[in-house]
Amino acid sequence: MLSEATKNARIAANEFAKNADVKVGGIRSAYQGSFYIRDVGEEYEDTKKIEKTVRVVTTITFYLTD
């Protein structure tokens, strides 16, 4: 999940960088924030459900280069 979050952050950073006519460099800093695992649907206390929803909040700051 963290790998996917990092890849998605780089994709978003590349879009911003493209609009600013710069390139994305290495990671300057990274913070792992909230990590939620919940039952899918409205009945959150159903302990027999296997399917879950996961939400990972990650903040990554990249260096920008010319």
N, C-alpha and C. Protein backbone atom coordinates (compact mmCIF):
# COMPACT_ATOMS: atom_id res chain seq x y z
N MET A 1 0.82 -1.19 0.00
CA MET A 1 0.00 0.00 0.00
C MET A 1 0.86 1.26 0.00
N LEU A 2 1.94 1.22 0.76
CA LEU A 2 2.82 2.38 0.80
C LEU A 2 3.51 2.59 -0.55
N SER A 3 3.88 1.51 -1.19
CA SER A 3 4.50 1.60 -2.51
C SER A 3 3.54 2.25 -3.50
N GLU A 4 2.29 1.85 -3.46
CA GLU A 4 1.28 2.42 -4.36
C GLU A 4 1.06 3.90 -4.06
N ALA A 5 1.04 4.26 -2.78
CA ALA A 5 0.86 5.67 -2.40
C ALA A 5 2.02 6.51 -2.91
N THR A 6 3.24 5.98 -2.82
CA THR A 6 4.42 6.70 -3.31
C THR A 6 4.37 6.88 -4.82
N LYS A 7 3.98 5.83 -5.53
CA LYS A 7 3.86 5.92 -7.00
C LYS A 7 2.82 6.96 -7.39
N ASN A 8 1.67 6.96 -6.69
CA ASN A 8 0.62 7.92 -7.00
C ASN A 8 1.07 9.35 -6.70
N ALA A 9 1.85 9.53 -5.63
CA ALA A 9 2.36 10.87 -5.30
C ALA A 9 3.29 11.37 -6.40
N ARG A 10 4.13 10.48 -6.94
CA ARG A 10 5.05 10.89 -8.00
C ARG A 10 4.28 11.24 -9.28
N ILE A 11 3.23 10.49 -9.58
CA ILE A 11 2.41 10.79 -10.76
C ILE A 11 1.80 12.18 -10.63
N ALA A 12 1.25 12.48 -9.45
CA ALA A 12 0.65 13.80 -9.23
C ALA A 12 1.71 14.89 -9.30
N ALA A 13 2.88 14.65 -8.70
CA ALA A 13 3.96 15.64 -8.73
C ALA A 13 4.41 15.90 -10.16
N ASN A 14 4.47 14.85 -10.98
CA ASN A 14 4.86 15.03 -12.38
C ASN A 14 3.87 15.90 -13.14
N GLU A 15 2.60 15.80 -12.83
CA GLU A 15 1.59 16.65 -13.48
C GLU A 15 1.79 18.11 -13.11
N PHE A 16 2.02 18.38 -11.82
CA PHE A 16 2.28 19.76 -11.39
C PHE A 16 3.57 20.28 -12.03
N ALA A 17 4.60 19.46 -12.05
CA ALA A 17 5.89 19.87 -12.60
C ALA A 17 5.79 20.17 -14.09
N LYS A 18 5.03 19.35 -14.81
CA LYS A 18 4.86 19.56 -16.25
C LYS A 18 4.25 20.93 -16.51
N ASN A 19 3.27 21.31 -15.71
CA ASN A 19 2.63 22.62 -15.87
C ASN A 19 3.57 23.77 -15.51
N ALA A 20 4.53 23.51 -14.64
CA ALA A 20 5.48 24.54 -14.23
C ALA A 20 6.77 24.49 -15.05
N ASP A 21 6.84 23.58 -16.01
CA ASP A 21 8.01 23.40 -16.89
C ASP A 21 9.28 23.08 -16.10
N VAL A 22 9.14 22.21 -15.10
CA VAL A 22 10.28 21.71 -14.32
C VAL A 22 10.16 20.19 -14.24
N LYS A 23 11.16 19.56 -13.63
CA LYS A 23 11.15 18.11 -13.48
C LYS A 23 11.15 17.73 -12.00
N VAL A 24 10.58 16.59 -11.71
CA VAL A 24 10.53 16.08 -10.33
C VAL A 24 11.83 15.34 -10.04
N GLY A 25 12.46 15.69 -8.93
CA GLY A 25 13.68 15.01 -8.50
C GLY A 25 13.37 13.93 -7.47
N GLY A 26 14.29 13.74 -6.57
CA GLY A 26 14.13 12.74 -5.51
C GLY A 26 13.18 13.19 -4.43
N ILE A 27 12.91 12.29 -3.51
CA ILE A 27 12.02 12.60 -2.38
C ILE A 27 12.80 13.45 -1.37
N ARG A 28 12.21 14.57 -1.01
CA ARG A 28 12.81 15.45 0.00
C ARG A 28 12.41 15.00 1.40
N SER A 29 11.12 14.68 1.57
CA SER A 29 10.63 14.18 2.86
C SER A 29 9.38 13.36 2.62
N ALA A 30 9.10 12.46 3.55
CA ALA A 30 7.90 11.62 3.46
C ALA A 30 7.36 11.38 4.86
N TYR A 31 6.07 11.48 5.00
CA TYR A 31 5.41 11.27 6.29
C TYR A 31 4.26 10.30 6.12
N GLN A 32 4.22 9.31 6.99
CA GLN A 32 3.11 8.37 6.99
C GLN A 32 2.11 8.86 8.03
N GLY A 33 0.94 9.19 7.58
CA GLY A 33 -0.09 9.69 8.49
C GLY A 33 -1.07 8.60 8.84
N SER A 34 -2.32 8.90 8.71
CA SER A 34 -3.40 8.00 9.11
C SER A 34 -3.44 6.75 8.23
N PHE A 35 -3.83 5.65 8.84
CA PHE A 35 -3.98 4.37 8.16
C PHE A 35 -5.27 3.76 8.69
N TYR A 36 -6.29 3.66 7.84
CA TYR A 36 -7.60 3.18 8.26
C TYR A 36 -7.93 1.86 7.56
N ILE A 37 -8.45 0.91 8.32
CA ILE A 37 -8.99 -0.32 7.75
C ILE A 37 -10.40 -0.45 8.29
N ARG A 38 -11.38 -0.48 7.36
CA ARG A 38 -12.79 -0.53 7.77
C ARG A 38 -13.53 -1.57 6.96
N ASP A 39 -14.61 -2.05 7.52
CA ASP A 39 -15.49 -2.94 6.78
C ASP A 39 -16.10 -2.21 5.61
N VAL A 40 -16.30 -2.91 4.51
CA VAL A 40 -16.95 -2.33 3.35
C VAL A 40 -18.44 -2.20 3.63
N GLY A 41 -19.03 -1.13 3.16
CA GLY A 41 -20.47 -0.95 3.31
C GLY A 41 -20.84 -0.16 4.55
N GLU A 42 -22.10 -0.21 4.87
CA GLU A 42 -22.62 0.60 5.97
C GLU A 42 -22.58 -0.11 7.32
N GLU A 43 -22.52 -1.43 7.32
CA GLU A 43 -22.53 -2.19 8.57
C GLU A 43 -21.09 -2.43 9.02
N TYR A 44 -20.51 -1.44 9.70
CA TYR A 44 -19.09 -1.48 10.02
C TYR A 44 -18.73 -2.50 11.10
N GLU A 45 -19.65 -2.95 11.89
CA GLU A 45 -19.33 -3.87 12.98
C GLU A 45 -19.55 -5.33 12.62
N ASP A 46 -19.75 -5.64 11.35
CA ASP A 46 -19.94 -7.02 10.92
C ASP A 46 -18.57 -7.70 10.87
N THR A 47 -18.23 -8.47 11.90
CA THR A 47 -16.90 -9.08 12.01
C THR A 47 -16.70 -10.25 11.06
N LYS A 48 -17.75 -10.70 10.39
CA LYS A 48 -17.63 -11.83 9.46
C LYS A 48 -17.27 -11.40 8.05
N LYS A 49 -17.28 -10.10 7.79
CA LYS A 49 -16.93 -9.62 6.46
C LYS A 49 -15.43 -9.76 6.23
N ILE A 50 -15.07 -10.24 5.06
CA ILE A 50 -13.67 -10.35 4.69
C ILE A 50 -13.23 -9.11 3.93
N GLU A 51 -14.11 -8.57 3.10
CA GLU A 51 -13.77 -7.41 2.28
C GLU A 51 -13.63 -6.16 3.14
N LYS A 52 -12.54 -5.42 2.94
CA LYS A 52 -12.26 -4.23 3.73
C LYS A 52 -11.94 -3.05 2.81
N THR A 53 -12.08 -1.85 3.32
CA THR A 53 -11.65 -0.63 2.66
C THR A 53 -10.44 -0.12 3.43
N VAL A 54 -9.36 0.21 2.70
CA VAL A 54 -8.15 0.70 3.33
C VAL A 54 -7.87 2.10 2.81
N ARG A 55 -7.53 3.01 3.71
CA ARG A 55 -7.18 4.37 3.32
C ARG A 55 -5.85 4.70 3.97
N VAL A 56 -4.89 5.07 3.14
CA VAL A 56 -3.56 5.43 3.62
C VAL A 56 -3.33 6.90 3.29
N VAL A 57 -2.96 7.69 4.29
CA VAL A 57 -2.67 9.10 4.07
C VAL A 57 -1.15 9.27 4.17
N THR A 58 -0.54 9.63 3.05
CA THR A 58 0.91 9.81 2.98
C THR A 58 1.19 11.18 2.38
N THR A 59 2.13 11.91 2.97
CA THR A 59 2.54 13.20 2.45
C THR A 59 3.99 13.07 2.00
N ILE A 60 4.22 13.37 0.73
CA ILE A 60 5.57 13.27 0.17
C ILE A 60 5.92 14.60 -0.49
N THR A 61 7.10 15.12 -0.16
CA THR A 61 7.62 16.34 -0.76
C THR A 61 8.80 15.96 -1.65
N PHE A 62 8.75 16.43 -2.90
CA PHE A 62 9.81 16.13 -3.87
C PHE A 62 10.65 17.37 -4.14
N TYR A 63 11.90 17.13 -4.54
CA TYR A 63 12.73 18.21 -5.06
C TYR A 63 12.30 18.48 -6.50
N LEU A 64 12.40 19.73 -6.94
CA LEU A 64 12.13 20.08 -8.33
C LEU A 64 13.43 20.54 -8.96
N THR A 65 13.62 20.17 -10.23
CA THR A 65 14.83 20.55 -10.94
C THR A 65 14.44 21.22 -12.27
N ASP A 66 15.38 21.95 -12.85
CA ASP A 66 15.13 22.60 -14.14
C ASP A 66 15.16 21.61 -15.27
